[in-house]
Amino acid sequence: MGKMPDNLWNILHLIGLRKGLTKVGEKIDLHDHDTTIYTAGSLHPEIDTGALDGILKKAFGILRDRMVVAVDAVIEDEHRGGDINGDDEVVDGHSQRLRDALAWSPPSEPLLWLVLSKVIGVGVWKTTFKRYRKYHKELLERRPADNGPPPAKKLRRS
């Protein structure tokens, strides 16, 4: 019978992302692959996020449209309630806010994917390195009674 392995090694194979849009109160269907409301991409081993940017821009557009509706409702309430008493400056301010909200467009790069990928890579490396150091330290601290190999040399700080 062969020797039983002592170590478990993990390799980060894929970091994938899925994004989808649904209406408020609508159930999320993870099996729906309609590209107008659902998309996927990856951050590792390759950065492939073009479709993710598109769906995020759609989401930002929906958010903008809802903000416009909300601002419009507040303005309408103030006009109807007589809170502004015909104050032209307030009316102009409201109109400008509404124009600003309508003119806003999503950023061309909704997320900085390269930065996100690098940060994930640093996190993975640090986790892996810490686990290796722990394993190596335990290996060197084994006592002969453990029937393990004798310590080769002390750990060197890096």
Protein backbone atom coordinates (compact mmCIF):
# COMPACT_ATOMS: atom_id res chain seq x y z
CA MET A 1 0.00 0.00 0.00
CA GLY A 2 1.30 3.45 -0.91
CA LYS A 3 2.18 6.19 1.51
CA MET A 4 -0.77 8.31 2.62
CA PRO A 5 -0.34 11.99 1.68
CA ASP A 6 0.20 14.45 4.54
CA ASN A 7 -0.82 17.67 2.83
CA LEU A 8 -3.81 19.09 1.07
CA TRP A 9 -3.11 21.68 -1.63
CA ASN A 10 -5.66 24.01 -3.14
CA ILE A 11 -5.35 25.83 -6.42
CA LEU A 12 -7.49 28.81 -7.28
CA HIS A 13 -8.94 27.72 -10.59
CA LEU A 14 -11.58 30.30 -11.43
CA ILE A 15 -13.13 33.45 -10.01
CA GLY A 16 -16.38 33.97 -11.84
CA LEU A 17 -19.12 36.53 -11.40
CA ARG A 18 -22.77 36.49 -12.40
CA LYS A 19 -25.01 39.54 -12.53
CA GLY A 20 -28.69 39.77 -13.17
CA LEU A 21 -31.55 42.24 -13.10
CA THR A 22 -35.03 41.57 -11.77
CA LYS A 23 -38.05 43.67 -11.00
CA VAL A 24 -38.85 44.48 -7.39
CA GLY A 25 -40.56 41.48 -5.80
CA GLU A 26 -39.78 39.20 -8.75
CA LYS A 27 -38.19 35.84 -8.02
CA ILE A 28 -34.57 35.42 -9.06
CA ASP A 29 -34.15 32.67 -11.63
CA LEU A 30 -30.57 31.42 -11.56
CA HIS A 31 -31.20 29.27 -14.61
CA ASP A 32 -32.37 32.13 -16.82
CA HIS A 33 -29.66 32.94 -19.35
CA ASP A 34 -31.46 35.77 -21.16
CA THR A 35 -28.54 38.09 -21.95
CA THR A 36 -30.70 41.21 -21.65
CA ILE A 37 -31.08 40.60 -17.90
CA TYR A 38 -28.33 38.13 -17.00
CA THR A 39 -24.63 37.89 -17.70
CA ALA A 40 -21.45 36.26 -16.46
CA GLY A 41 -17.77 37.12 -16.48
CA SER A 42 -14.52 36.21 -14.77
CA LEU A 43 -11.66 37.78 -12.85
CA HIS A 44 -9.29 34.82 -12.83
CA PRO A 45 -7.46 33.36 -14.70
CA GLU A 46 -8.59 35.89 -17.31
CA ILE A 47 -10.36 39.19 -16.81
CA ASP A 48 -13.48 38.99 -18.95
CA THR A 49 -15.92 41.61 -17.73
CA GLY A 50 -17.31 43.32 -20.83
CA ALA A 51 -20.78 41.83 -20.44
CA LEU A 52 -20.72 42.58 -16.71
CA ASP A 53 -20.07 46.26 -17.46
CA GLY A 54 -23.09 46.29 -19.75
CA ILE A 55 -25.47 44.87 -17.15
CA LEU A 56 -24.08 47.21 -14.46
CA LYS A 57 -24.69 50.18 -16.77
CA LYS A 58 -28.28 48.99 -17.24
CA ALA A 59 -28.66 48.79 -13.47
CA PHE A 60 -27.27 52.32 -13.07
CA GLY A 61 -29.70 53.53 -15.76
CA ILE A 62 -32.61 51.97 -13.86
CA LEU A 63 -31.38 53.64 -10.67
CA ARG A 64 -31.16 57.00 -12.47
CA ASP A 65 -34.69 56.62 -13.83
CA ARG A 66 -36.04 55.84 -10.36
CA MET A 67 -34.23 58.86 -8.93
CA VAL A 68 -35.78 61.08 -11.58
CA VAL A 69 -39.24 59.76 -10.72
CA ALA A 70 -38.58 60.34 -6.99
CA VAL A 71 -37.29 63.90 -7.54
CA ASP A 72 -40.23 64.64 -9.81
CA ALA A 73 -42.67 63.35 -7.14
CA VAL A 74 -41.09 65.57 -4.46
CA ILE A 75 -41.31 68.62 -6.72
CA GLU A 76 -44.92 67.84 -7.55
CA ASP A 77 -45.79 67.43 -3.85
CA GLU A 78 -44.17 70.75 -2.99
CA HIS A 79 -46.01 72.53 -5.80
CA ARG A 80 -49.33 70.93 -4.91
CA GLY A 81 -48.87 71.56 -1.16
CA GLY A 82 -48.02 75.18 -1.73
CA ASP A 83 -44.74 74.86 0.17
CA ILE A 84 -42.86 77.03 -2.30
CA ASN A 85 -45.41 79.90 -2.54
CA GLY A 86 -44.46 80.75 -6.09
CA ASP A 87 -40.79 81.20 -5.21
CA ASP A 88 -39.12 81.24 -8.64
CA GLU A 89 -35.68 80.49 -7.22
CA VAL A 90 -36.95 77.28 -5.60
CA VAL A 91 -38.77 76.27 -8.80
CA ASP A 92 -35.58 76.90 -10.83
CA GLY A 93 -33.55 74.87 -8.32
CA HIS A 94 -35.97 71.96 -8.60
CA SER A 95 -35.90 72.14 -12.39
CA GLN A 96 -32.10 72.17 -12.39
CA ARG A 97 -31.97 69.10 -10.10
CA LEU A 98 -34.35 67.29 -12.40
CA ARG A 99 -32.26 68.21 -15.48
CA ASP A 100 -29.08 67.09 -13.68
CA ALA A 101 -30.64 63.75 -12.80
CA LEU A 102 -31.83 63.23 -16.37
CA ALA A 103 -28.42 64.18 -17.82
CA TRP A 104 -26.45 61.80 -15.59
CA SER A 105 -25.13 58.72 -17.32
CA PRO A 106 -23.37 55.68 -15.86
CA PRO A 107 -19.56 55.74 -15.79
CA SER A 108 -17.88 54.08 -18.74
CA GLU A 109 -16.13 51.69 -16.34
CA PRO A 110 -18.59 50.89 -13.52
CA LEU A 111 -16.00 48.92 -11.54
CA LEU A 112 -12.22 48.90 -11.74
CA TRP A 113 -11.97 45.20 -12.54
CA LEU A 114 -8.19 45.14 -12.85
CA VAL A 115 -7.81 46.65 -9.38
CA LEU A 116 -10.36 44.20 -7.98
CA SER A 117 -8.53 41.28 -9.60
CA LYS A 118 -5.18 42.40 -8.17
CA VAL A 119 -6.63 42.82 -4.67
CA ILE A 120 -8.12 39.33 -4.83
CA GLY A 121 -4.75 37.99 -6.00
CA VAL A 122 -2.95 39.63 -3.07
CA GLY A 123 -5.50 38.14 -0.67
CA VAL A 124 -5.08 34.67 -2.15
CA TRP A 125 -1.28 34.93 -2.01
CA LYS A 126 -1.26 36.11 1.61
CA THR A 127 -3.65 33.34 2.66
CA THR A 128 -1.59 30.71 0.86
CA PHE A 129 1.70 32.00 2.25
CA LYS A 130 0.40 32.11 5.83
CA ARG A 131 -0.92 28.55 5.54
CA TYR A 132 2.41 27.37 4.12
CA ARG A 133 4.37 29.08 6.92
CA LYS A 134 2.12 27.45 9.52
CA TYR A 135 2.56 24.03 7.89
CA HIS A 136 6.34 24.49 7.64
CA LYS A 137 6.63 25.61 11.26
CA GLU A 138 4.63 22.58 12.42
CA LEU A 139 6.83 20.33 10.32
CA LEU A 140 9.99 21.74 11.91
CA GLU A 141 8.56 21.45 15.41
CA ARG A 142 7.78 17.72 15.12
CA ARG A 143 9.36 15.63 17.80
CA PRO A 144 11.12 12.37 16.99
CA ALA A 145 8.34 10.59 18.93
CA ASP A 146 5.96 11.69 16.15
CA ASN A 147 7.90 9.48 13.72
CA GLY A 148 8.18 12.50 11.48
CA PRO A 149 11.33 13.59 9.72
CA PRO A 150 13.82 15.45 11.93
CA PRO A 151 13.83 19.22 11.54
CA ALA A 152 16.09 20.21 8.64
CA LYS A 153 16.80 23.74 9.78
CA LYS A 154 15.14 26.65 11.48
CA LEU A 155 12.69 28.89 9.68
CA ARG A 156 14.21 31.97 8.16
CA ARG A 157 12.26 35.20 8.51
CA SER A 158 11.52 36.88 5.21
